[in-house]
All heavy atoms as atom14 arrays in JSON, in Angstrom:
{
  "sequence": "EAVGGFQPLEAGEDIALVSALRHAGYRVDASAALHAVTSGRLRGRLRE",
  "atom14_mask": [
    [1, 1, 1, 1, 1, 1, 1, 1, 1, 0, 0, 0, 0, 0],
    [1, 1, 1, 1, 1, 0, 0, 0, 0, 0, 0, 0, 0, 0],
    [1, 1, 1, 1, 1, 1, 1, 0, 0, 0, 0, 0, 0, 0],
    [1, 1, 1, 1, 0, 0, 0, 0, 0, 0, 0, 0, 0, 0],
    [1, 1, 1, 1, 0, 0, 0, 0, 0, 0, 0, 0, 0, 0],
    [1, 1, 1, 1, 1, 1, 1, 1, 1, 1, 1, 0, 0, 0],
    [1, 1, 1, 1, 1, 1, 1, 1, 1, 0, 0, 0, 0, 0],
    [1, 1, 1, 1, 1, 1, 1, 0, 0, 0, 0, 0, 0, 0],
    [1, 1, 1, 1, 1, 1, 1, 1, 0, 0, 0, 0, 0, 0],
    [1, 1, 1, 1, 1, 1, 1, 1, 1, 0, 0, 0, 0, 0],
    [1, 1, 1, 1, 1, 0, 0, 0, 0, 0, 0, 0, 0, 0],
    [1, 1, 1, 1, 0, 0, 0, 0, 0, 0, 0, 0, 0, 0],
    [1, 1, 1, 1, 1, 1, 1, 1, 1, 0, 0, 0, 0, 0],
    [1, 1, 1, 1, 1, 1, 1, 1, 0, 0, 0, 0, 0, 0],
    [1, 1, 1, 1, 1, 1, 1, 1, 0, 0, 0, 0, 0, 0],
    [1, 1, 1, 1, 1, 0, 0, 0, 0, 0, 0, 0, 0, 0],
    [1, 1, 1, 1, 1, 1, 1, 1, 0, 0, 0, 0, 0, 0],
    [1, 1, 1, 1, 1, 1, 1, 0, 0, 0, 0, 0, 0, 0],
    [1, 1, 1, 1, 1, 1, 0, 0, 0, 0, 0, 0, 0, 0],
    [1, 1, 1, 1, 1, 0, 0, 0, 0, 0, 0, 0, 0, 0],
    [1, 1, 1, 1, 1, 1, 1, 1, 0, 0, 0, 0, 0, 0],
    [1, 1, 1, 1, 1, 1, 1, 1, 1, 1, 1, 0, 0, 0],
    [1, 1, 1, 1, 1, 1, 1, 1, 1, 1, 0, 0, 0, 0],
    [1, 1, 1, 1, 1, 0, 0, 0, 0, 0, 0, 0, 0, 0],
    [1, 1, 1, 1, 0, 0, 0, 0, 0, 0, 0, 0, 0, 0],
    [1, 1, 1, 1, 1, 1, 1, 1, 1, 1, 1, 1, 0, 0],
    [1, 1, 1, 1, 1, 1, 1, 1, 1, 1, 1, 0, 0, 0],
    [1, 1, 1, 1, 1, 1, 1, 0, 0, 0, 0, 0, 0, 0],
    [1, 1, 1, 1, 1, 1, 1, 1, 0, 0, 0, 0, 0, 0],
    [1, 1, 1, 1, 1, 0, 0, 0, 0, 0, 0, 0, 0, 0],
    [1, 1, 1, 1, 1, 1, 0, 0, 0, 0, 0, 0, 0, 0],
    [1, 1, 1, 1, 1, 0, 0, 0, 0, 0, 0, 0, 0, 0],
    [1, 1, 1, 1, 1, 0, 0, 0, 0, 0, 0, 0, 0, 0],
    [1, 1, 1, 1, 1, 1, 1, 1, 0, 0, 0, 0, 0, 0],
    [1, 1, 1, 1, 1, 1, 1, 1, 1, 1, 0, 0, 0, 0],
    [1, 1, 1, 1, 1, 0, 0, 0, 0, 0, 0, 0, 0, 0],
    [1, 1, 1, 1, 1, 1, 1, 0, 0, 0, 0, 0, 0, 0],
    [1, 1, 1, 1, 1, 1, 1, 0, 0, 0, 0, 0, 0, 0],
    [1, 1, 1, 1, 1, 1, 0, 0, 0, 0, 0, 0, 0, 0],
    [1, 1, 1, 1, 0, 0, 0, 0, 0, 0, 0, 0, 0, 0],
    [1, 1, 1, 1, 1, 1, 1, 1, 1, 1, 1, 0, 0, 0],
    [1, 1, 1, 1, 1, 1, 1, 1, 0, 0, 0, 0, 0, 0],
    [1, 1, 1, 1, 1, 1, 1, 1, 1, 1, 1, 0, 0, 0],
    [1, 1, 1, 1, 0, 0, 0, 0, 0, 0, 0, 0, 0, 0],
    [1, 1, 1, 1, 1, 1, 1, 1, 1, 1, 1, 0, 0, 0],
    [1, 1, 1, 1, 1, 1, 1, 1, 0, 0, 0, 0, 0, 0],
    [1, 1, 1, 1, 1, 1, 1, 1, 1, 1, 1, 0, 0, 0],
    [1, 1, 1, 1, 1, 1, 1, 1, 1, 0, 0, 0, 0, 0]
  ],
  "atom14_positions": [
    [[131.56, 106.85, 81.38], [130.21, 107.05, 81.94], [130.17, 108.18, 82.98], [129.23, 108.86, 83.1], [129.71, 105.7, 82.51], [129.47, 104.64, 81.43], [129.1, 103.32, 82.02], [129.07, 103.17, 83.27], [128.86, 102.42, 81.2], [0.0, 0.0, 0.0], [0.0, 0.0, 0.0], [0.0, 0.0, 0.0], [0.0, 0.0, 0.0], [0.0, 0.0, 0.0]],
    [[131.28, 108.33, 83.78], [131.35, 109.31, 84.76], [131.22, 110.68, 84.25], [130.72, 111.64, 84.91], [132.61, 109.15, 85.65], [0.0, 0.0, 0.0], [0.0, 0.0, 0.0], [0.0, 0.0, 0.0], [0.0, 0.0, 0.0], [0.0, 0.0, 0.0], [0.0, 0.0, 0.0], [0.0, 0.0, 0.0], [0.0, 0.0, 0.0], [0.0, 0.0, 0.0]],
    [[131.66, 110.94, 83.06], [131.66, 112.31, 82.47], [130.58, 112.49, 81.44], [130.44, 113.47, 80.7], [133.02, 112.71, 81.78], [134.13, 112.6, 82.85], [133.3, 111.74, 80.64], [0.0, 0.0, 0.0], [0.0, 0.0, 0.0], [0.0, 0.0, 0.0], [0.0, 0.0, 0.0], [0.0, 0.0, 0.0], [0.0, 0.0, 0.0], [0.0, 0.0, 0.0]],
    [[129.68, 111.49, 81.27], [128.51, 111.59, 80.44], [128.7, 111.13, 78.98], [127.74, 111.19, 78.18], [0.0, 0.0, 0.0], [0.0, 0.0, 0.0], [0.0, 0.0, 0.0], [0.0, 0.0, 0.0], [0.0, 0.0, 0.0], [0.0, 0.0, 0.0], [0.0, 0.0, 0.0], [0.0, 0.0, 0.0], [0.0, 0.0, 0.0], [0.0, 0.0, 0.0]],
    [[129.89, 110.54, 78.7], [130.05, 109.87, 77.36], [130.11, 110.88, 76.24], [130.22, 112.07, 76.31], [0.0, 0.0, 0.0], [0.0, 0.0, 0.0], [0.0, 0.0, 0.0], [0.0, 0.0, 0.0], [0.0, 0.0, 0.0], [0.0, 0.0, 0.0], [0.0, 0.0, 0.0], [0.0, 0.0, 0.0], [0.0, 0.0, 0.0], [0.0, 0.0, 0.0]],
    [[130.03, 110.27, 75.03], [129.87, 111.13, 73.77], [128.63, 111.93, 73.7], [127.59, 111.35, 74.0], [130.02, 110.17, 72.49], [131.39, 109.64, 72.25], [131.54, 108.25, 72.29], [132.46, 110.48, 71.96], [132.82, 107.74, 72.1], [133.72, 109.92, 71.71], [133.89, 108.51, 71.81], [0.0, 0.0, 0.0], [0.0, 0.0, 0.0], [0.0, 0.0, 0.0]],
    [[128.75, 113.14, 73.35], [127.58, 114.04, 73.17], [127.1, 113.99, 71.77], [127.85, 113.73, 70.8], [127.96, 115.51, 73.58], [128.46, 115.62, 75.01], [127.42, 115.11, 75.96], [126.19, 115.58, 75.98], [127.76, 114.15, 76.84], [0.0, 0.0, 0.0], [0.0, 0.0, 0.0], [0.0, 0.0, 0.0], [0.0, 0.0, 0.0], [0.0, 0.0, 0.0]],
    [[125.83, 114.2, 71.49], [125.28, 114.17, 70.11], [125.61, 115.26, 69.26], [124.81, 116.1, 68.81], [123.85, 114.05, 70.38], [123.57, 114.79, 71.64], [124.73, 114.46, 72.53], [0.0, 0.0, 0.0], [0.0, 0.0, 0.0], [0.0, 0.0, 0.0], [0.0, 0.0, 0.0], [0.0, 0.0, 0.0], [0.0, 0.0, 0.0], [0.0, 0.0, 0.0]],
    [[126.98, 115.43, 69.02], [127.52, 116.53, 68.22], [127.73, 116.01, 66.85], [128.18, 114.89, 66.6], [128.78, 116.97, 68.8], [128.74, 117.57, 70.29], [130.1, 117.89, 70.78], [127.79, 118.75, 70.31], [0.0, 0.0, 0.0], [0.0, 0.0, 0.0], [0.0, 0.0, 0.0], [0.0, 0.0, 0.0], [0.0, 0.0, 0.0], [0.0, 0.0, 0.0]],
    [[127.57, 116.89, 65.88], [127.82, 116.5, 64.43], [129.35, 116.41, 64.15], [129.73, 115.79, 63.13], [127.15, 117.56, 63.53], [125.68, 117.52, 63.53], [124.97, 118.46, 62.55], [125.78, 119.19, 61.86], [123.78, 118.51, 62.52], [0.0, 0.0, 0.0], [0.0, 0.0, 0.0], [0.0, 0.0, 0.0], [0.0, 0.0, 0.0], [0.0, 0.0, 0.0]],
    [[130.16, 117.03, 64.97], [131.61, 116.98, 64.89], [132.18, 117.38, 66.17], [131.57, 118.17, 66.94], [132.13, 117.91, 63.73], [0.0, 0.0, 0.0], [0.0, 0.0, 0.0], [0.0, 0.0, 0.0], [0.0, 0.0, 0.0], [0.0, 0.0, 0.0], [0.0, 0.0, 0.0], [0.0, 0.0, 0.0], [0.0, 0.0, 0.0], [0.0, 0.0, 0.0]],
    [[133.38, 116.99, 66.51], [134.02, 117.31, 67.75], [133.55, 116.63, 68.97], [133.98, 116.99, 70.12], [0.0, 0.0, 0.0], [0.0, 0.0, 0.0], [0.0, 0.0, 0.0], [0.0, 0.0, 0.0], [0.0, 0.0, 0.0], [0.0, 0.0, 0.0], [0.0, 0.0, 0.0], [0.0, 0.0, 0.0], [0.0, 0.0, 0.0], [0.0, 0.0, 0.0]],
    [[132.89, 115.5, 68.77], [132.41, 114.73, 69.93], [133.6, 114.14, 70.66], [133.53, 113.93, 71.95], [131.36, 113.71, 69.59], [131.96, 112.41, 68.95], [132.56, 112.62, 67.55], [132.26, 113.67, 66.89], [133.38, 111.78, 67.1], [0.0, 0.0, 0.0], [0.0, 0.0, 0.0], [0.0, 0.0, 0.0], [0.0, 0.0, 0.0], [0.0, 0.0, 0.0]],
    [[134.64, 113.78, 69.94], [135.85, 113.22, 70.49], [136.57, 114.27, 71.34], [136.99, 113.97, 72.54], [136.77, 112.66, 69.41], [136.84, 113.56, 68.2], [136.36, 114.68, 68.21], [137.57, 113.16, 67.28], [0.0, 0.0, 0.0], [0.0, 0.0, 0.0], [0.0, 0.0, 0.0], [0.0, 0.0, 0.0], [0.0, 0.0, 0.0], [0.0, 0.0, 0.0]],
    [[136.68, 115.47, 70.84], [137.33, 116.55, 71.62], [136.61, 116.88, 72.87], [137.21, 117.05, 73.92], [137.48, 117.78, 70.69], [138.43, 117.48, 69.5], [138.02, 118.96, 71.49], [138.52, 118.6, 68.55], [0.0, 0.0, 0.0], [0.0, 0.0, 0.0], [0.0, 0.0, 0.0], [0.0, 0.0, 0.0], [0.0, 0.0, 0.0], [0.0, 0.0, 0.0]],
    [[135.23, 116.96, 72.76], [134.48, 117.23, 73.93], [134.56, 116.21, 75.03], [134.67, 116.59, 76.21], [132.95, 117.43, 73.51], [0.0, 0.0, 0.0], [0.0, 0.0, 0.0], [0.0, 0.0, 0.0], [0.0, 0.0, 0.0], [0.0, 0.0, 0.0], [0.0, 0.0, 0.0], [0.0, 0.0, 0.0], [0.0, 0.0, 0.0], [0.0, 0.0, 0.0]],
    [[134.65, 114.97, 74.62], [134.81, 113.86, 75.62], [136.16, 113.94, 76.27], [136.27, 113.86, 77.53], [134.61, 112.48, 74.93], [134.86, 111.3, 75.88], [133.95, 111.33, 77.11], [134.65, 109.94, 75.11], [0.0, 0.0, 0.0], [0.0, 0.0, 0.0], [0.0, 0.0, 0.0], [0.0, 0.0, 0.0], [0.0, 0.0, 0.0], [0.0, 0.0, 0.0]],
    [[137.23, 114.13, 75.55], [138.54, 114.17, 76.14], [138.65, 115.42, 77.06], [139.2, 115.35, 78.13], [139.63, 114.21, 75.05], [141.02, 114.53, 75.59], [139.69, 112.86, 74.34], [0.0, 0.0, 0.0], [0.0, 0.0, 0.0], [0.0, 0.0, 0.0], [0.0, 0.0, 0.0], [0.0, 0.0, 0.0], [0.0, 0.0, 0.0], [0.0, 0.0, 0.0]],
    [[138.13, 116.56, 76.61], [138.07, 117.73, 77.45], [137.34, 117.44, 78.78], [137.84, 117.84, 79.87], [137.44, 118.86, 76.73], [137.37, 120.03, 77.55], [0.0, 0.0, 0.0], [0.0, 0.0, 0.0], [0.0, 0.0, 0.0], [0.0, 0.0, 0.0], [0.0, 0.0, 0.0], [0.0, 0.0, 0.0], [0.0, 0.0, 0.0], [0.0, 0.0, 0.0]],
    [[136.26, 116.78, 78.73], [135.51, 116.42, 79.97], [136.27, 115.49, 80.82], [136.31, 115.66, 82.15], [134.15, 115.8, 79.6], [0.0, 0.0, 0.0], [0.0, 0.0, 0.0], [0.0, 0.0, 0.0], [0.0, 0.0, 0.0], [0.0, 0.0, 0.0], [0.0, 0.0, 0.0], [0.0, 0.0, 0.0], [0.0, 0.0, 0.0], [0.0, 0.0, 0.0]],
    [[136.96, 114.48, 80.23], [137.82, 113.6, 81.11], [138.89, 114.36, 81.76], [139.12, 114.13, 82.98], [138.36, 112.51, 80.15], [137.39, 111.43, 79.62], [138.06, 110.71, 78.39], [136.99, 110.54, 80.7], [0.0, 0.0, 0.0], [0.0, 0.0, 0.0], [0.0, 0.0, 0.0], [0.0, 0.0, 0.0], [0.0, 0.0, 0.0], [0.0, 0.0, 0.0]],
    [[139.59, 115.22, 81.05], [140.73, 115.92, 81.68], [140.19, 116.92, 82.71], [140.79, 117.07, 83.84], [141.46, 116.69, 80.59], [142.34, 115.74, 79.78], [142.99, 116.4, 78.6], [143.98, 115.51, 78.06], [144.43, 115.59, 76.72], [143.95, 116.54, 75.93], [145.3, 114.75, 76.27], [0.0, 0.0, 0.0], [0.0, 0.0, 0.0], [0.0, 0.0, 0.0]],
    [[139.09, 117.57, 82.46], [138.49, 118.53, 83.4], [138.14, 117.8, 84.71], [138.23, 118.38, 85.85], [137.26, 119.25, 82.84], [136.68, 120.2, 83.71], [137.24, 121.46, 83.92], [135.57, 120.19, 84.47], [136.47, 122.13, 84.82], [135.48, 121.37, 85.11], [0.0, 0.0, 0.0], [0.0, 0.0, 0.0], [0.0, 0.0, 0.0], [0.0, 0.0, 0.0]],
    [[137.69, 116.55, 84.63], [137.26, 115.77, 85.75], [138.5, 115.13, 86.48], [138.25, 114.41, 87.57], [136.24, 114.66, 85.36], [0.0, 0.0, 0.0], [0.0, 0.0, 0.0], [0.0, 0.0, 0.0], [0.0, 0.0, 0.0], [0.0, 0.0, 0.0], [0.0, 0.0, 0.0], [0.0, 0.0, 0.0], [0.0, 0.0, 0.0], [0.0, 0.0, 0.0]],
    [[139.65, 115.31, 86.02], [140.83, 114.75, 86.65], [141.25, 113.4, 86.24], [142.14, 112.8, 86.86], [0.0, 0.0, 0.0], [0.0, 0.0, 0.0], [0.0, 0.0, 0.0], [0.0, 0.0, 0.0], [0.0, 0.0, 0.0], [0.0, 0.0, 0.0], [0.0, 0.0, 0.0], [0.0, 0.0, 0.0], [0.0, 0.0, 0.0], [0.0, 0.0, 0.0]],
    [[140.7, 112.91, 85.2], [141.11, 111.56, 84.72], [142.4, 111.69, 83.95], [142.68, 112.72, 83.25], [140.02, 110.89, 83.8], [138.79, 110.49, 84.61], [137.64, 111.25, 84.64], [138.85, 109.36, 85.39], [136.56, 110.79, 85.36], [137.75, 108.91, 86.05], [136.62, 109.65, 86.1], [135.49, 109.25, 86.82], [0.0, 0.0, 0.0], [0.0, 0.0, 0.0]],
    [[143.19, 110.63, 83.96], [144.51, 110.58, 83.26], [144.25, 110.16, 81.81], [143.82, 109.1, 81.52], [145.41, 109.67, 83.93], [146.75, 109.44, 83.2], [147.7, 108.5, 83.99], [148.61, 107.84, 83.04], [149.46, 106.93, 83.43], [149.53, 106.53, 84.71], [150.33, 106.4, 82.57], [0.0, 0.0, 0.0], [0.0, 0.0, 0.0], [0.0, 0.0, 0.0]],
    [[144.62, 111.09, 80.86], [144.47, 110.79, 79.47], [145.96, 110.88, 78.8], [146.52, 111.97, 78.86], [143.59, 111.88, 78.74], [143.5, 111.49, 77.21], [142.18, 111.93, 79.36], [0.0, 0.0, 0.0], [0.0, 0.0, 0.0], [0.0, 0.0, 0.0], [0.0, 0.0, 0.0], [0.0, 0.0, 0.0], [0.0, 0.0, 0.0], [0.0, 0.0, 0.0]],
    [[146.45, 109.79, 78.42], [147.74, 109.7, 77.84], [147.69, 109.92, 76.35], [146.72, 109.45, 75.71], [148.43, 108.37, 78.11], [148.89, 108.19, 79.61], [148.72, 109.19, 80.33], [149.36, 107.13, 79.93], [0.0, 0.0, 0.0], [0.0, 0.0, 0.0], [0.0, 0.0, 0.0], [0.0, 0.0, 0.0], [0.0, 0.0, 0.0], [0.0, 0.0, 0.0]],
    [[148.68, 110.57, 75.77], [148.67, 110.85, 74.32], [149.8, 110.06, 73.81], [150.97, 110.34, 74.09], [148.92, 112.37, 74.0], [0.0, 0.0, 0.0], [0.0, 0.0, 0.0], [0.0, 0.0, 0.0], [0.0, 0.0, 0.0], [0.0, 0.0, 0.0], [0.0, 0.0, 0.0], [0.0, 0.0, 0.0], [0.0, 0.0, 0.0], [0.0, 0.0, 0.0]],
    [[149.51, 109.04, 72.89], [150.52, 108.11, 72.41], [150.86, 108.24, 70.92], [149.9, 108.33, 70.14], [150.0, 106.71, 72.74], [150.87, 105.7, 72.06], [0.0, 0.0, 0.0], [0.0, 0.0, 0.0], [0.0, 0.0, 0.0], [0.0, 0.0, 0.0], [0.0, 0.0, 0.0], [0.0, 0.0, 0.0], [0.0, 0.0, 0.0], [0.0, 0.0, 0.0]],
    [[152.08, 108.26, 70.6], [152.48, 108.21, 69.14], [152.57, 106.7, 68.73], [152.53, 106.52, 67.51], [153.85, 108.92, 69.02], [0.0, 0.0, 0.0], [0.0, 0.0, 0.0], [0.0, 0.0, 0.0], [0.0, 0.0, 0.0], [0.0, 0.0, 0.0], [0.0, 0.0, 0.0], [0.0, 0.0, 0.0], [0.0, 0.0, 0.0], [0.0, 0.0, 0.0]],
    [[152.73, 105.82, 69.63], [152.84, 104.42, 69.29], [151.43, 103.86, 68.77], [151.43, 102.97, 67.94], [153.31, 103.63, 70.42], [0.0, 0.0, 0.0], [0.0, 0.0, 0.0], [0.0, 0.0, 0.0], [0.0, 0.0, 0.0], [0.0, 0.0, 0.0], [0.0, 0.0, 0.0], [0.0, 0.0, 0.0], [0.0, 0.0, 0.0], [0.0, 0.0, 0.0]],
    [[150.37, 104.49, 69.19], [149.03, 104.04, 68.84], [148.73, 104.88, 67.57], [148.14, 105.93, 67.64], [148.1, 104.4, 69.96], [146.79, 103.51, 70.13], [147.24, 102.12, 70.46], [145.87, 104.05, 71.16], [0.0, 0.0, 0.0], [0.0, 0.0, 0.0], [0.0, 0.0, 0.0], [0.0, 0.0, 0.0], [0.0, 0.0, 0.0], [0.0, 0.0, 0.0]],
    [[149.08, 104.29, 66.44], [149.03, 105.09, 65.17], [148.16, 104.34, 64.14], [148.38, 103.04, 63.93], [150.43, 105.28, 64.68], [150.58, 106.12, 63.44], [150.36, 107.54, 63.53], [150.84, 105.91, 62.13], [150.5, 108.08, 62.37], [150.8, 107.16, 61.54], [0.0, 0.0, 0.0], [0.0, 0.0, 0.0], [0.0, 0.0, 0.0], [0.0, 0.0, 0.0]],
    [[147.24, 105.0, 63.53], [146.39, 104.34, 62.62], [146.43, 105.07, 61.18], [146.83, 106.22, 61.13], [144.95, 104.35, 63.07], [0.0, 0.0, 0.0], [0.0, 0.0, 0.0], [0.0, 0.0, 0.0], [0.0, 0.0, 0.0], [0.0, 0.0, 0.0], [0.0, 0.0, 0.0], [0.0, 0.0, 0.0], [0.0, 0.0, 0.0], [0.0, 0.0, 0.0]],
    [[145.93, 104.36, 60.19], [145.86, 104.94, 58.81], [144.36, 105.16, 58.48], [143.61, 104.19, 58.58], [146.51, 103.98, 57.83], [146.33, 104.56, 56.41], [147.99, 103.86, 58.06], [0.0, 0.0, 0.0], [0.0, 0.0, 0.0], [0.0, 0.0, 0.0], [0.0, 0.0, 0.0], [0.0, 0.0, 0.0], [0.0, 0.0, 0.0], [0.0, 0.0, 0.0]],
    [[144.05, 106.34, 58.16], [142.7, 106.73, 57.83], [142.49, 107.22, 56.4], [143.5, 107.45, 55.7], [142.15, 107.73, 58.83], [140.72, 107.72, 58.77], [142.72, 109.12, 58.59], [0.0, 0.0, 0.0], [0.0, 0.0, 0.0], [0.0, 0.0, 0.0], [0.0, 0.0, 0.0], [0.0, 0.0, 0.0], [0.0, 0.0, 0.0], [0.0, 0.0, 0.0]],
    [[141.34, 107.34, 55.96], [141.11, 107.79, 54.54], [141.76, 109.07, 54.27], [141.66, 110.04, 55.03], [139.58, 107.75, 54.3], [139.31, 108.31, 53.0], [0.0, 0.0, 0.0], [0.0, 0.0, 0.0], [0.0, 0.0, 0.0], [0.0, 0.0, 0.0], [0.0, 0.0, 0.0], [0.0, 0.0, 0.0], [0.0, 0.0, 0.0], [0.0, 0.0, 0.0]],
    [[142.24, 109.11, 53.0], [142.86, 110.44, 52.6], [141.89, 111.2, 51.66], [142.39, 112.15, 50.99], [0.0, 0.0, 0.0], [0.0, 0.0, 0.0], [0.0, 0.0, 0.0], [0.0, 0.0, 0.0], [0.0, 0.0, 0.0], [0.0, 0.0, 0.0], [0.0, 0.0, 0.0], [0.0, 0.0, 0.0], [0.0, 0.0, 0.0], [0.0, 0.0, 0.0]],
    [[140.67, 110.91, 51.65], [139.67, 111.63, 50.77], [139.52, 113.04, 51.2], [139.72, 113.34, 52.49], [138.34, 110.89, 50.8], [137.69, 110.8, 52.14], [136.52, 109.86, 52.18], [136.0, 109.67, 53.55], [135.18, 108.64, 53.89], [134.8, 107.76, 52.93], [134.72, 108.57, 55.15], [0.0, 0.0, 0.0], [0.0, 0.0, 0.0], [0.0, 0.0, 0.0]],
    [[139.18, 113.85, 50.3], [139.03, 115.37, 50.56], [137.54, 115.7, 50.86], [137.27, 116.86, 51.23], [139.55, 116.16, 49.39], [140.98, 115.88, 49.04], [141.44, 116.81, 47.98], [141.89, 116.09, 50.29], [0.0, 0.0, 0.0], [0.0, 0.0, 0.0], [0.0, 0.0, 0.0], [0.0, 0.0, 0.0], [0.0, 0.0, 0.0], [0.0, 0.0, 0.0]],
    [[136.62, 114.75, 50.61], [135.25, 115.01, 50.95], [134.75, 113.93, 51.79], [134.6, 112.75, 51.44], [134.31, 115.03, 49.62], [134.72, 116.17, 48.69], [133.66, 116.32, 47.58], [132.39, 116.62, 48.04], [131.37, 116.83, 47.24], [131.41, 116.61, 45.93], [130.17, 117.16, 47.71], [0.0, 0.0, 0.0], [0.0, 0.0, 0.0], [0.0, 0.0, 0.0]],
    [[134.54, 114.23, 53.12], [134.2, 113.28, 54.11], [132.75, 113.19, 54.42], [131.92, 113.75, 53.73], [0.0, 0.0, 0.0], [0.0, 0.0, 0.0], [0.0, 0.0, 0.0], [0.0, 0.0, 0.0], [0.0, 0.0, 0.0], [0.0, 0.0, 0.0], [0.0, 0.0, 0.0], [0.0, 0.0, 0.0], [0.0, 0.0, 0.0], [0.0, 0.0, 0.0]],
    [[132.46, 112.47, 55.49], [131.03, 112.14, 55.88], [130.44, 113.28, 56.8], [129.29, 113.26, 57.13], [130.93, 110.8, 56.51], [131.33, 109.67, 55.6], [130.28, 109.53, 54.53], [130.55, 108.32, 53.77], [131.16, 108.3, 52.56], [131.54, 109.43, 52.04], [131.35, 107.17, 51.89], [0.0, 0.0, 0.0], [0.0, 0.0, 0.0], [0.0, 0.0, 0.0]],
    [[131.4, 114.19, 57.3], [130.94, 115.2, 58.27], [131.72, 116.4, 58.05], [132.82, 116.39, 57.56], [130.93, 114.74, 59.64], [132.26, 114.18, 60.18], [133.1, 115.26, 60.84], [132.01, 113.05, 61.22], [0.0, 0.0, 0.0], [0.0, 0.0, 0.0], [0.0, 0.0, 0.0], [0.0, 0.0, 0.0], [0.0, 0.0, 0.0], [0.0, 0.0, 0.0]],
    [[131.13, 117.52, 58.4], [131.82, 118.83, 58.34], [132.82, 118.99, 59.45], [132.59, 118.39, 60.5], [130.83, 120.05, 58.36], [129.9, 120.09, 57.14], [129.2, 121.41, 57.14], [130.1, 122.52, 57.03], [129.75, 123.78, 57.19], [128.5, 124.08, 57.41], [130.64, 124.75, 57.15], [0.0, 0.0, 0.0], [0.0, 0.0, 0.0], [0.0, 0.0, 0.0]],
    [[133.84, 119.67, 59.23], [134.89, 119.96, 60.25], [135.62, 118.72, 60.64], [136.03, 118.63, 61.81], [134.28, 120.77, 61.39], [133.65, 122.04, 61.0], [133.3, 123.03, 62.18], [133.63, 122.58, 63.35], [132.72, 123.98, 61.97], [0.0, 0.0, 0.0], [0.0, 0.0, 0.0], [0.0, 0.0, 0.0], [0.0, 0.0, 0.0], [0.0, 0.0, 0.0]]
  ]
}
C-alpha cells in the first residue's frame, strides 16, 4: 500500500511493483526455493 500497489498495466504490473518497492527502500528477497509450475502454452492471455 505504501508504494501504491499494482498499477493497471496490461503487462509488467509485477515488475513495476517490485521496482517501486526497491526504490522505496523495502527489502525484496529473491528465492529459488519458492518455485512454481506454470502453463507451458505458447499463446497466453496477455501480450509480453
